[in-house]
N, C-alpha and C. Protein backbone atom coordinates (compact mmCIF):
# COMPACT_ATOMS: atom_id res chain seq x y z
N MET A 1 100.80 116.06 100.68
CA MET A 1 101.66 117.42 100.70
C MET A 1 102.29 116.92 102.15
N ASP A 2 103.67 117.22 102.19
CA ASP A 2 104.33 116.75 103.30
C ASP A 2 104.31 118.08 104.30
N ASN A 3 104.89 117.93 105.39
CA ASN A 3 104.94 119.13 106.26
C ASN A 3 105.64 120.32 106.03
N LEU A 4 106.75 120.24 105.30
CA LEU A 4 107.51 121.36 104.77
C LEU A 4 106.74 122.07 103.41
N ASP A 5 106.30 121.23 102.75
CA ASP A 5 105.33 121.67 101.80
C ASP A 5 104.25 122.88 102.43
N LYS A 6 103.55 122.23 103.45
CA LYS A 6 102.60 122.55 104.27
C LYS A 6 102.97 124.02 104.74
N LEU A 7 103.93 124.33 105.32
CA LEU A 7 104.73 125.27 105.95
C LEU A 7 105.06 126.24 105.03
N ASP A 8 105.35 125.88 103.62
CA ASP A 8 105.84 126.79 102.71
C ASP A 8 104.46 127.57 102.21
N PHE A 9 103.39 126.79 101.98
CA PHE A 9 102.23 127.28 101.72
C PHE A 9 101.59 128.25 102.50
N LEU A 10 101.63 127.92 103.86
CA LEU A 10 101.13 128.78 105.18
C LEU A 10 101.85 130.07 104.97
N TYR A 11 103.05 129.94 104.86
CA TYR A 11 103.85 131.34 104.92
C TYR A 11 103.51 132.24 104.07
N LYS A 12 103.21 131.74 102.63
CA LYS A 12 102.88 132.39 101.51
C LYS A 12 101.30 133.08 101.67
N GLU A 13 100.56 132.23 102.35
CA GLU A 13 99.12 132.60 102.60
C GLU A 13 99.22 133.69 103.67
N ILE A 14 100.09 133.51 104.58
CA ILE A 14 100.23 134.61 105.55
C ILE A 14 100.53 136.01 104.87
N ALA A 15 101.57 135.77 104.21
CA ALA A 15 102.23 137.20 103.58
C ALA A 15 100.99 137.83 102.66
N TYR A 16 100.35 137.02 101.80
CA TYR A 16 99.28 137.49 101.02
C TYR A 16 98.29 137.96 101.79
N ALA A 17 97.71 137.25 102.88
CA ALA A 17 96.75 137.90 103.65
C ALA A 17 97.07 139.11 104.32
N GLU A 18 98.24 139.47 104.78
CA GLU A 18 98.88 140.50 105.65
C GLU A 18 98.89 141.62 104.54
N SER A 19 99.16 141.45 103.09
CA SER A 19 99.10 142.26 102.47
C SER A 19 97.86 143.05 101.94
N LYS A 20 96.63 142.29 102.54
CA LYS A 20 95.23 142.80 102.41
C LYS A 20 94.76 143.45 103.23
N LEU A 21 95.34 143.50 104.33
CA LEU A 21 94.96 144.27 105.80
C LEU A 21 94.89 145.75 105.33
N GLN A 22 93.96 146.28 105.64
CA GLN A 22 93.50 147.81 105.89
C GLN A 22 93.09 148.19 107.21
N PRO A 23 93.38 149.53 107.30
CA PRO A 23 92.72 149.98 108.78
C PRO A 23 91.67 149.64 109.34
N GLN A 24 90.58 149.46 108.25
CA GLN A 24 89.32 149.16 108.97
C GLN A 24 88.44 148.21 107.96
N ASP A 25 87.64 147.25 108.81
CA ASP A 25 86.64 146.32 108.00
C ASP A 25 87.54 145.07 107.34
N THR A 26 88.61 144.57 107.93
CA THR A 26 89.48 143.47 107.88
C THR A 26 89.69 142.78 109.18
N GLY A 27 89.05 142.69 109.95
CA GLY A 27 88.88 141.92 111.32
C GLY A 27 88.94 140.16 110.80
N HIS A 28 88.21 140.00 109.76
CA HIS A 28 88.27 138.51 109.46
C HIS A 28 89.49 138.06 108.75
N ILE A 29 90.16 139.26 108.21
CA ILE A 29 91.61 138.63 107.55
C ILE A 29 92.52 138.45 108.81
N SER A 30 92.28 139.29 109.96
CA SER A 30 93.33 139.29 110.89
C SER A 30 93.06 138.23 111.60
N THR A 31 91.69 137.31 111.79
CA THR A 31 91.71 136.27 112.34
C THR A 31 91.94 135.00 111.54
N ALA A 32 91.75 134.97 110.16
CA ALA A 32 92.46 134.18 109.28
C ALA A 32 93.78 134.17 109.55
N ILE A 33 94.64 135.23 109.44
CA ILE A 33 95.89 135.39 109.90
C ILE A 33 96.55 134.64 111.08
N SER A 34 95.57 134.83 112.02
CA SER A 34 96.10 134.48 113.55
C SER A 34 95.75 132.55 113.29
N TRP A 35 94.66 132.30 112.83
CA TRP A 35 94.38 130.99 112.73
C TRP A 35 95.79 130.22 111.88
N MET A 36 96.17 130.80 110.57
CA MET A 36 97.08 130.26 110.05
C MET A 36 98.67 130.07 110.61
N GLN A 37 98.82 131.18 111.46
CA GLN A 37 100.03 131.19 112.46
C GLN A 37 99.83 130.36 113.60
N GLN A 38 98.67 129.93 113.86
CA GLN A 38 98.67 128.98 114.76
C GLN A 38 99.00 127.20 114.17
N ARG A 39 98.63 127.04 112.79
CA ARG A 39 98.73 126.22 112.07
C ARG A 39 100.34 125.85 111.81
N VAL A 40 100.80 127.07 111.56
CA VAL A 40 102.22 127.08 111.36
C VAL A 40 102.93 126.11 112.53
N ARG A 41 102.53 126.78 113.78
CA ARG A 41 102.96 126.57 115.21
C ARG A 41 102.91 124.89 115.09
N GLU A 42 101.80 124.57 115.03
CA GLU A 42 101.48 122.85 114.87
C GLU A 42 102.17 122.36 113.90
N THR A 43 102.17 122.56 112.91
CA THR A 43 103.14 121.77 111.89
C THR A 43 104.67 121.84 112.33
N GLN A 44 105.20 123.18 112.97
CA GLN A 44 106.55 123.26 113.25
C GLN A 44 106.68 122.02 114.61
N GLU A 45 105.56 122.09 115.18
CA GLU A 45 105.72 121.05 116.39
C GLU A 45 105.75 119.36 115.93
N GLU A 46 104.89 119.18 114.68
CA GLU A 46 104.86 117.84 114.14
C GLU A 46 106.39 117.51 113.91
N ILE A 47 106.91 118.69 113.20
CA ILE A 47 108.06 118.24 112.46
C ILE A 47 109.32 117.81 113.39
N ARG A 48 109.21 118.71 114.71
CA ARG A 48 110.01 118.57 115.80
C ARG A 48 109.56 117.13 116.50
N ASN A 49 108.53 116.94 116.60
CA ASN A 49 108.23 115.55 116.93
C ASN A 49 108.64 114.11 116.52
N ALA A 50 108.54 114.63 114.97
CA ALA A 50 108.96 113.35 114.02
C ALA A 50 110.48 113.27 114.07
N ASN A 51 111.09 114.69 114.12
CA ASN A 51 112.77 114.34 114.31
C ASN A 51 113.29 113.71 115.74
N VAL A 52 112.63 114.16 116.58
CA VAL A 52 112.91 113.41 118.03
C VAL A 52 112.54 111.93 117.98
N HIS A 53 111.38 111.71 117.33
CA HIS A 53 111.08 110.29 117.58
C HIS A 53 111.92 109.47 116.56
N ARG A 54 112.44 109.88 115.40
CA ARG A 54 113.31 109.51 114.46
C ARG A 54 114.77 109.20 114.99
N GLU A 55 115.17 110.33 115.54
CA GLU A 55 116.51 110.31 116.38
C GLU A 55 116.43 109.43 117.37
N GLY A 56 115.45 109.21 118.26
CA GLY A 56 115.21 107.99 119.27
C GLY A 56 115.43 106.98 118.81
N HIS A 57 114.99 106.58 117.74
CA HIS A 57 115.04 105.28 117.16
C HIS A 57 116.14 104.81 116.58
N LYS A 58 117.02 105.94 115.86
CA LYS A 58 118.44 105.80 115.30
C LYS A 58 119.21 105.50 116.61
N LYS A 59 119.15 105.86 117.89
CA LYS A 59 120.08 105.90 118.85
C LYS A 59 120.02 104.48 119.39
N SER A 60 118.63 103.99 119.59
CA SER A 60 118.36 102.71 120.16
C SER A 60 118.57 101.62 119.38
N GLY A 61 118.95 101.87 118.01
CA GLY A 61 119.05 100.78 116.87
C GLY A 61 117.91 100.10 116.34
N TYR A 62 116.73 100.74 116.68
CA TYR A 62 115.44 99.99 116.39
C TYR A 62 115.25 100.58 114.89
N MET A 63 114.99 99.93 113.95
CA MET A 63 114.65 100.20 112.60
C MET A 63 113.37 99.45 112.19
N GLY A 64 112.28 100.18 112.54
CA GLY A 64 111.00 99.53 112.14
C GLY A 64 110.57 99.77 110.89
N ARG A 65 109.56 99.37 110.49
CA ARG A 65 108.90 99.28 109.17
C ARG A 65 108.90 100.51 108.32
N ASN A 66 108.51 101.66 108.99
CA ASN A 66 108.51 102.76 108.71
C ASN A 66 109.76 103.50 108.65
N MET A 67 110.46 103.16 109.28
CA MET A 67 112.04 104.03 109.48
C MET A 67 112.72 103.33 108.15
N LEU A 68 112.58 101.95 107.79
CA LEU A 68 113.36 101.46 106.65
C LEU A 68 112.80 101.98 105.30
N MET A 69 111.51 102.52 105.39
CA MET A 69 111.01 103.13 104.00
C MET A 69 111.59 104.59 103.63
N GLU A 70 112.35 105.10 104.75
CA GLU A 70 112.73 106.58 104.66
C GLU A 70 114.04 106.63 103.69
């Protein structure tokens, strides 16, 4: 699963979990939502870092083994 698929999955799971929230007795769902939102932020950061890293290599002219495979 790549990071874009992971984000799609997390967004859908968050929406589903939010639909299950009730005024009482669903604190565990709120906790799960918060955790998944943190995973979204981490995954977004991974994507940003990968793009910055890739762009830096393109500007420098470096084409390492992994860059050639993309």
